[in-house]
Amino acid sequence: MWGWYWIGVSVGLGTAVGTLFSGLLAPRRALLFAVAVAAAAVGAAIGWGLDGWGSVFGGAIGGLVGAFSAAILVVGALARGGTRVGTAVLIVLAALVLAAIAFIPVAGFLEALVVLLLAVRARRSQPERYAGLRTLARD
């Protein structure tokens, strides 16, 4: 049972690291893959330091989930008029909260799932782009 606790902690800390890296570096789409790989590597290293192979995979998966999920939120916030610095500060604070929550039993598993679901929900709620009145101005 103790091993499952550390796997959950590594998933939660990996999610926090992925969120942190993505909040600081991922507004640029070209960096998203590199940020996700770096977050997975750091999450895996955290997992290795905590418990062993199960935690390594948990930390890597958490890092990937956190990086891609936070990137969706960051890109959406910037598209809606948020500033880069303000968005980065809020994401860093969220990553610190995620890291603290990771030490609650079972919460590390749940936070990775919740972060992913929030990102999917935010992605679906983004408005579609319409030509609007610009099509009338072509005369």
N, C-alpha and C. Protein backbone atom coordinates (compact mmCIF):
# COMPACT_ATOMS: atom_id res chain seq x y z
N MET A 1 0.82 -1.19 0.00
CA MET A 1 0.00 0.00 0.00
C MET A 1 0.86 1.26 0.00
N TRP A 2 2.00 1.20 0.66
CA TRP A 2 2.89 2.34 0.74
C TRP A 2 3.42 2.72 -0.64
N GLY A 3 3.64 1.73 -1.50
CA GLY A 3 4.12 1.99 -2.85
C GLY A 3 3.11 2.80 -3.67
N TRP A 4 1.83 2.49 -3.51
CA TRP A 4 0.79 3.23 -4.22
C TRP A 4 0.75 4.69 -3.80
N TYR A 5 1.02 4.94 -2.54
CA TYR A 5 1.05 6.33 -2.07
C TYR A 5 2.13 7.11 -2.81
N TRP A 6 3.33 6.53 -2.91
CA TRP A 6 4.43 7.25 -3.56
C TRP A 6 4.22 7.37 -5.06
N ILE A 7 3.56 6.40 -5.66
CA ILE A 7 3.22 6.53 -7.08
C ILE A 7 2.26 7.70 -7.27
N GLY A 8 1.26 7.81 -6.39
CA GLY A 8 0.33 8.93 -6.46
C GLY A 8 1.01 10.26 -6.25
N VAL A 9 1.95 10.30 -5.31
CA VAL A 9 2.69 11.54 -5.07
C VAL A 9 3.51 11.91 -6.30
N SER A 10 4.14 10.92 -6.94
CA SER A 10 4.94 11.23 -8.12
C SER A 10 4.07 11.66 -9.30
N VAL A 11 2.87 11.08 -9.43
CA VAL A 11 1.95 11.54 -10.48
C VAL A 11 1.56 12.99 -10.21
N GLY A 12 1.22 13.31 -8.97
CA GLY A 12 0.84 14.67 -8.63
C GLY A 12 1.97 15.67 -8.80
N LEU A 13 3.18 15.29 -8.37
CA LEU A 13 4.32 16.20 -8.53
C LEU A 13 4.70 16.34 -10.01
N GLY A 14 4.57 15.26 -10.77
CA GLY A 14 4.81 15.35 -12.21
C GLY A 14 3.81 16.28 -12.89
N THR A 15 2.55 16.21 -12.45
CA THR A 15 1.54 17.11 -12.99
C THR A 15 1.88 18.56 -12.65
N ALA A 16 2.33 18.79 -11.42
CA ALA A 16 2.71 20.14 -11.02
C ALA A 16 3.90 20.65 -11.83
N VAL A 17 4.88 19.80 -12.07
CA VAL A 17 6.06 20.20 -12.85
C VAL A 17 5.66 20.49 -14.30
N GLY A 18 4.82 19.63 -14.87
CA GLY A 18 4.35 19.87 -16.23
C GLY A 18 3.57 21.17 -16.35
N THR A 19 2.75 21.44 -15.35
CA THR A 19 2.00 22.70 -15.33
C THR A 19 2.94 23.89 -15.23
N LEU A 20 3.93 23.78 -14.37
CA LEU A 20 4.91 24.85 -14.19
C LEU A 20 5.68 25.13 -15.48
N PHE A 21 6.22 24.08 -16.07
CA PHE A 21 7.00 24.25 -17.30
C PHE A 21 6.14 24.82 -18.42
N SER A 22 4.94 24.32 -18.55
CA SER A 22 4.06 24.78 -19.61
C SER A 22 3.64 26.22 -19.39
N GLY A 23 3.40 26.59 -18.16
CA GLY A 23 3.03 27.97 -17.87
C GLY A 23 4.14 28.95 -18.16
N LEU A 24 5.36 28.53 -17.98
CA LEU A 24 6.49 29.43 -18.21
C LEU A 24 6.97 29.45 -19.65
N LEU A 25 6.84 28.33 -20.38
CA LEU A 25 7.46 28.23 -21.70
C LEU A 25 6.53 27.86 -22.85
N ALA A 26 5.34 27.36 -22.58
CA ALA A 26 4.55 26.78 -23.66
C ALA A 26 3.63 27.70 -24.43
N PRO A 27 3.57 29.00 -24.20
CA PRO A 27 2.73 29.79 -25.09
C PRO A 27 3.17 29.70 -26.55
N ARG A 28 4.38 29.33 -26.77
CA ARG A 28 4.86 29.14 -28.13
C ARG A 28 4.65 27.67 -28.51
N ARG A 29 3.89 27.45 -29.57
CA ARG A 29 3.55 26.08 -29.96
C ARG A 29 4.78 25.26 -30.34
N ALA A 30 5.82 25.93 -30.81
CA ALA A 30 7.03 25.21 -31.20
C ALA A 30 7.72 24.59 -30.00
N LEU A 31 7.55 25.17 -28.83
CA LEU A 31 8.20 24.66 -27.63
C LEU A 31 7.38 23.62 -26.88
N LEU A 32 6.13 23.41 -27.28
CA LEU A 32 5.24 22.54 -26.51
C LEU A 32 5.77 21.12 -26.40
N PHE A 33 6.25 20.54 -27.49
CA PHE A 33 6.76 19.18 -27.44
C PHE A 33 8.00 19.09 -26.56
N ALA A 34 8.90 20.06 -26.68
CA ALA A 34 10.11 20.06 -25.85
C ALA A 34 9.77 20.25 -24.37
N VAL A 35 8.78 21.09 -24.10
CA VAL A 35 8.36 21.30 -22.71
C VAL A 35 7.74 20.02 -22.15
N ALA A 36 6.94 19.34 -22.94
CA ALA A 36 6.31 18.09 -22.48
C ALA A 36 7.36 17.01 -22.21
N VAL A 37 8.36 16.91 -23.07
CA VAL A 37 9.42 15.93 -22.86
C VAL A 37 10.23 16.27 -21.61
N ALA A 38 10.53 17.55 -21.43
CA ALA A 38 11.28 17.96 -20.24
C ALA A 38 10.48 17.72 -18.97
N ALA A 39 9.18 17.99 -19.01
CA ALA A 39 8.33 17.76 -17.85
C ALA A 39 8.23 16.27 -17.53
N ALA A 40 8.14 15.44 -18.56
CA ALA A 40 8.11 13.99 -18.34
C ALA A 40 9.43 13.50 -17.75
N ALA A 41 10.54 14.05 -18.21
CA ALA A 41 11.85 13.65 -17.69
C ALA A 41 12.02 14.06 -16.23
N VAL A 42 11.61 15.28 -15.90
CA VAL A 42 11.72 15.74 -14.51
C VAL A 42 10.74 14.96 -13.63
N GLY A 43 9.54 14.70 -14.12
CA GLY A 43 8.59 13.88 -13.37
C GLY A 43 9.12 12.48 -13.11
N ALA A 44 9.77 11.90 -14.12
CA ALA A 44 10.37 10.58 -13.95
C ALA A 44 11.51 10.61 -12.94
N ALA A 45 12.30 11.67 -12.97
CA ALA A 45 13.39 11.80 -12.00
C ALA A 45 12.85 11.95 -10.58
N ILE A 46 11.77 12.69 -10.43
CA ILE A 46 11.14 12.81 -9.11
C ILE A 46 10.63 11.45 -8.65
N GLY A 47 9.99 10.72 -9.55
CA GLY A 47 9.50 9.39 -9.22
C GLY A 47 10.61 8.44 -8.83
N TRP A 48 11.73 8.51 -9.54
CA TRP A 48 12.86 7.65 -9.21
C TRP A 48 13.40 7.99 -7.82
N GLY A 49 13.45 9.27 -7.52
CA GLY A 49 13.93 9.68 -6.21
C GLY A 49 12.99 9.30 -5.08
N LEU A 50 11.72 9.18 -5.38
CA LEU A 50 10.75 8.85 -4.33
C LEU A 50 10.68 7.36 -4.03
N ASP A 51 10.50 6.53 -5.09
CA ASP A 51 10.23 5.13 -4.78
C ASP A 51 10.81 4.11 -5.74
N GLY A 52 10.83 4.33 -7.00
CA GLY A 52 11.32 3.31 -7.92
C GLY A 52 10.59 3.37 -9.25
N TRP A 53 10.54 2.21 -9.94
CA TRP A 53 10.04 2.18 -11.30
C TRP A 53 8.58 2.56 -11.44
N GLY A 54 7.72 2.13 -10.55
CA GLY A 54 6.32 2.51 -10.64
C GLY A 54 6.14 4.01 -10.53
N SER A 55 6.90 4.61 -9.67
CA SER A 55 6.84 6.06 -9.51
C SER A 55 7.47 6.78 -10.69
N VAL A 56 8.44 6.15 -11.34
CA VAL A 56 9.06 6.76 -12.53
C VAL A 56 8.01 6.92 -13.62
N PHE A 57 7.25 5.86 -13.89
CA PHE A 57 6.22 5.94 -14.92
C PHE A 57 5.10 6.89 -14.53
N GLY A 58 4.73 6.88 -13.26
CA GLY A 58 3.70 7.79 -12.77
C GLY A 58 4.11 9.24 -12.91
N GLY A 59 5.35 9.55 -12.55
CA GLY A 59 5.84 10.92 -12.68
C GLY A 59 5.93 11.38 -14.12
N ALA A 60 6.35 10.48 -15.01
CA ALA A 60 6.45 10.83 -16.43
C ALA A 60 5.06 11.09 -17.02
N ILE A 61 4.11 10.24 -16.69
CA ILE A 61 2.75 10.43 -17.20
C ILE A 61 2.15 11.71 -16.63
N GLY A 62 2.38 11.96 -15.34
CA GLY A 62 1.90 13.20 -14.74
C GLY A 62 2.51 14.43 -15.40
N GLY A 63 3.79 14.36 -15.73
CA GLY A 63 4.45 15.48 -16.41
C GLY A 63 3.85 15.76 -17.77
N LEU A 64 3.58 14.70 -18.53
CA LEU A 64 2.96 14.88 -19.85
C LEU A 64 1.56 15.46 -19.74
N VAL A 65 0.77 14.91 -18.82
CA VAL A 65 -0.61 15.39 -18.64
C VAL A 65 -0.60 16.86 -18.21
N GLY A 66 0.25 17.20 -17.25
CA GLY A 66 0.32 18.57 -16.78
C GLY A 66 0.77 19.54 -17.86
N ALA A 67 1.75 19.14 -18.65
CA ALA A 67 2.28 20.03 -19.69
C ALA A 67 1.25 20.30 -20.78
N PHE A 68 0.62 19.25 -21.29
CA PHE A 68 -0.35 19.44 -22.36
C PHE A 68 -1.62 20.14 -21.87
N SER A 69 -2.05 19.81 -20.67
CA SER A 69 -3.26 20.43 -20.13
C SER A 69 -3.06 21.91 -19.84
N ALA A 70 -1.96 22.25 -19.23
CA ALA A 70 -1.69 23.66 -18.93
C ALA A 70 -1.45 24.45 -20.21
N ALA A 71 -0.88 23.83 -21.23
CA ALA A 71 -0.65 24.53 -22.49
C ALA A 71 -1.97 24.94 -23.12
N ILE A 72 -2.97 24.07 -23.04
CA ILE A 72 -4.29 24.42 -23.57
C ILE A 72 -4.85 25.64 -22.83
N LEU A 73 -4.71 25.63 -21.51
CA LEU A 73 -5.22 26.75 -20.72
C LEU A 73 -4.45 28.04 -20.98
N VAL A 74 -3.13 27.93 -21.11
CA VAL A 74 -2.30 29.12 -21.34
C VAL A 74 -2.59 29.72 -22.71
N VAL A 75 -2.67 28.90 -23.73
CA VAL A 75 -2.96 29.40 -25.08
C VAL A 75 -4.34 30.05 -25.11
N GLY A 76 -5.32 29.44 -24.44
CA GLY A 76 -6.65 30.03 -24.39
C GLY A 76 -6.68 31.35 -23.65
N ALA A 77 -5.94 31.43 -22.56
CA ALA A 77 -5.90 32.69 -21.79
C ALA A 77 -5.24 33.80 -22.60
N LEU A 78 -4.18 33.47 -23.29
CA LEU A 78 -3.49 34.48 -24.09
C LEU A 78 -4.32 34.91 -25.30
N ALA A 79 -5.09 33.98 -25.86
CA ALA A 79 -5.94 34.31 -27.00
C ALA A 79 -7.08 35.23 -26.59
N ARG A 80 -7.49 35.13 -25.34
CA ARG A 80 -8.59 35.97 -24.85
C ARG A 80 -8.10 37.30 -24.28
N GLY A 81 -6.84 37.60 -24.39
CA GLY A 81 -6.34 38.91 -23.98
C GLY A 81 -5.52 38.93 -22.70
N GLY A 82 -5.23 37.78 -22.13
CA GLY A 82 -4.39 37.75 -20.94
C GLY A 82 -2.95 38.09 -21.26
N THR A 83 -2.25 38.65 -20.30
CA THR A 83 -0.85 38.97 -20.52
C THR A 83 0.01 37.74 -20.22
N ARG A 84 1.18 37.69 -20.81
CA ARG A 84 2.07 36.54 -20.59
C ARG A 84 2.53 36.47 -19.14
N VAL A 85 2.87 37.60 -18.56
CA VAL A 85 3.39 37.61 -17.19
C VAL A 85 2.28 37.25 -16.21
N GLY A 86 1.11 37.84 -16.38
CA GLY A 86 0.00 37.54 -15.48
C GLY A 86 -0.42 36.09 -15.56
N THR A 87 -0.49 35.55 -16.77
CA THR A 87 -0.84 34.15 -16.95
C THR A 87 0.22 33.25 -16.34
N ALA A 88 1.49 33.58 -16.52
CA ALA A 88 2.57 32.77 -15.96
C ALA A 88 2.53 32.78 -14.43
N VAL A 89 2.24 33.93 -13.85
CA VAL A 89 2.16 34.01 -12.38
C VAL A 89 1.03 33.13 -11.87
N LEU A 90 -0.12 33.19 -12.50
CA LEU A 90 -1.25 32.37 -12.07
C LEU A 90 -0.98 30.88 -12.24
N ILE A 91 -0.31 30.51 -13.32
CA ILE A 91 0.01 29.10 -13.54
C ILE A 91 1.05 28.62 -12.54
N VAL A 92 2.03 29.45 -12.21
CA VAL A 92 3.03 29.07 -11.20
C VAL A 92 2.36 28.86 -9.85
N LEU A 93 1.43 29.73 -9.48
CA LEU A 93 0.70 29.55 -8.22
C LEU A 93 -0.13 28.27 -8.25
N ALA A 94 -0.75 27.99 -9.37
CA ALA A 94 -1.52 26.74 -9.51
C ALA A 94 -0.61 25.52 -9.39
N ALA A 95 0.59 25.60 -9.95
CA ALA A 95 1.54 24.48 -9.86
C ALA A 95 1.97 24.25 -8.41
N LEU A 96 2.16 25.32 -7.65
CA LEU A 96 2.51 25.17 -6.24
C LEU A 96 1.38 24.51 -5.45
N VAL A 97 0.15 24.88 -5.75
CA VAL A 97 -0.99 24.26 -5.09
C VAL A 97 -1.09 22.79 -5.47
N LEU A 98 -0.87 22.48 -6.75
CA LEU A 98 -0.90 21.08 -7.20
C LEU A 98 0.18 20.26 -6.50
N ALA A 99 1.37 20.84 -6.32
CA ALA A 99 2.45 20.12 -5.64
C ALA A 99 2.08 19.85 -4.18
N ALA A 100 1.42 20.78 -3.53
CA ALA A 100 1.02 20.57 -2.14
C ALA A 100 -0.07 19.51 -2.04
N ILE A 101 -1.01 19.54 -2.97
CA ILE A 101 -2.11 18.56 -2.96
C ILE A 101 -1.60 17.16 -3.24
N ALA A 102 -0.49 17.03 -3.94
CA ALA A 102 0.03 15.71 -4.32
C ALA A 102 0.35 14.83 -3.12
N PHE A 103 0.60 15.43 -1.97
CA PHE A 103 0.96 14.64 -0.79
C PHE A 103 -0.24 14.12 -0.02
N ILE A 104 -1.44 14.48 -0.43
CA ILE A 104 -2.64 13.90 0.17
C ILE A 104 -2.84 12.53 -0.48
N PRO A 105 -3.08 11.49 0.32
CA PRO A 105 -3.26 10.15 -0.27
C PRO A 105 -4.35 10.14 -1.34
N VAL A 106 -4.07 9.52 -2.45
CA VAL A 106 -4.92 9.31 -3.62
C VAL A 106 -5.12 10.60 -4.42
N ALA A 107 -4.84 11.75 -3.87
CA ALA A 107 -5.10 13.02 -4.55
C ALA A 107 -4.18 13.21 -5.76
N GLY A 108 -3.00 12.63 -5.77
CA GLY A 108 -2.10 12.77 -6.91
C GLY A 108 -2.69 12.16 -8.17
N PHE A 109 -3.33 10.99 -8.02
CA PHE A 109 -3.99 10.37 -9.16
C PHE A 109 -5.15 11.23 -9.64
N LEU A 110 -5.92 11.72 -8.68
CA LEU A 110 -7.12 12.49 -9.02
C LEU A 110 -6.77 13.84 -9.63
N GLU A 111 -5.70 14.47 -9.18
CA GLU A 111 -5.38 15.79 -9.72
C GLU A 111 -4.96 15.71 -11.17
N ALA A 112 -4.26 14.64 -11.56
CA ALA A 112 -3.90 14.49 -12.97
C ALA A 112 -5.17 14.34 -13.82
N LEU A 113 -6.12 13.59 -13.32
CA LEU A 113 -7.39 13.40 -14.03
C LEU A 113 -8.18 14.71 -14.10
N VAL A 114 -8.24 15.43 -13.00
CA VAL A 114 -9.00 16.69 -12.96
C VAL A 114 -8.36 17.73 -13.87
N VAL A 115 -7.06 17.83 -13.87
CA VAL A 115 -6.37 18.81 -14.73
C VAL A 115 -6.64 18.48 -16.19
N LEU A 116 -6.62 17.21 -16.54
CA LEU A 116 -6.91 16.81 -17.91
C LEU A 116 -8.34 17.13 -18.29
N LEU A 117 -9.29 16.83 -17.40
CA LEU A 117 -10.70 17.12 -17.69
C LEU A 117 -10.96 18.62 -17.80
N LEU A 118 -10.32 19.42 -16.97
CA LEU A 118 -10.47 20.88 -17.06
C LEU A 118 -9.93 21.41 -18.39
N ALA A 119 -8.82 20.85 -18.85
CA ALA A 119 -8.25 21.30 -20.12
C ALA A 119 -9.16 20.92 -21.29
N VAL A 120 -9.73 19.72 -21.25
CA VAL A 120 -10.65 19.31 -22.32
C VAL A 120 -11.89 20.20 -22.32
N ARG A 121 -12.39 20.51 -21.14
CA ARG A 121 -13.56 21.39 -21.03
C ARG A 121 -13.24 22.79 -21.54
N ALA A 122 -12.06 23.30 -21.20
CA ALA A 122 -11.67 24.63 -21.67
C ALA A 122 -11.49 24.63 -23.19
N ARG A 123 -10.98 23.55 -23.72
CA ARG A 123 -10.77 23.46 -25.17
C ARG A 123 -12.10 23.46 -25.91
N ARG A 124 -13.09 22.77 -25.35
CA ARG A 124 -14.41 22.71 -25.99
C ARG A 124 -15.15 24.04 -25.89
N SER A 125 -14.89 24.81 -24.86
CA SER A 125 -15.62 26.06 -24.67
C SER A 125 -15.01 27.23 -25.43
N GLN A 126 -13.92 27.00 -26.14
CA GLN A 126 -13.33 28.08 -26.92
C GLN A 126 -14.24 28.41 -28.09
N PRO A 127 -14.50 29.67 -28.32
CA PRO A 127 -15.40 30.03 -29.41
C PRO A 127 -14.76 29.75 -30.77
N GLU A 128 -15.60 29.40 -31.72
CA GLU A 128 -15.12 29.20 -33.07
C GLU A 128 -14.97 30.56 -33.74
N ARG A 129 -14.11 30.61 -34.72
CA ARG A 129 -13.90 31.87 -35.43
C ARG A 129 -14.82 31.93 -36.64
N TYR A 130 -15.50 33.04 -36.75
CA TYR A 130 -16.38 33.27 -37.89
C TYR A 130 -15.89 34.49 -38.64
N ALA A 131 -16.19 34.52 -39.90
CA ALA A 131 -15.79 35.66 -40.71
C ALA A 131 -16.57 36.90 -40.32
N GLY A 132 -17.81 36.71 -39.90
CA GLY A 132 -18.61 37.84 -39.44
C GLY A 132 -18.81 38.89 -40.53
N LEU A 133 -18.70 40.13 -40.16
CA LEU A 133 -18.93 41.21 -41.09
C LEU A 133 -17.77 41.44 -42.04
N ARG A 134 -16.67 40.79 -41.82
CA ARG A 134 -15.54 40.96 -42.73
C ARG A 134 -15.86 40.45 -44.12
N THR A 135 -16.78 39.49 -44.24
CA THR A 135 -17.13 39.00 -45.58
C THR A 135 -17.90 40.04 -46.36
N LEU A 136 -18.61 40.93 -45.67
CA LEU A 136 -19.35 41.98 -46.36
C LEU A 136 -18.44 43.10 -46.84
N ALA A 137 -17.28 43.22 -46.27
CA ALA A 137 -16.38 44.31 -46.60
C ALA A 137 -15.54 44.03 -47.84
N ARG A 138 -15.75 42.95 -48.50
CA ARG A 138 -14.94 42.60 -49.68
C ARG A 138 -15.37 43.34 -50.95
N ASP A 139 -16.44 44.05 -50.93
CA ASP A 139 -16.93 44.73 -52.15
C ASP A 139 -15.96 45.67 -52.71
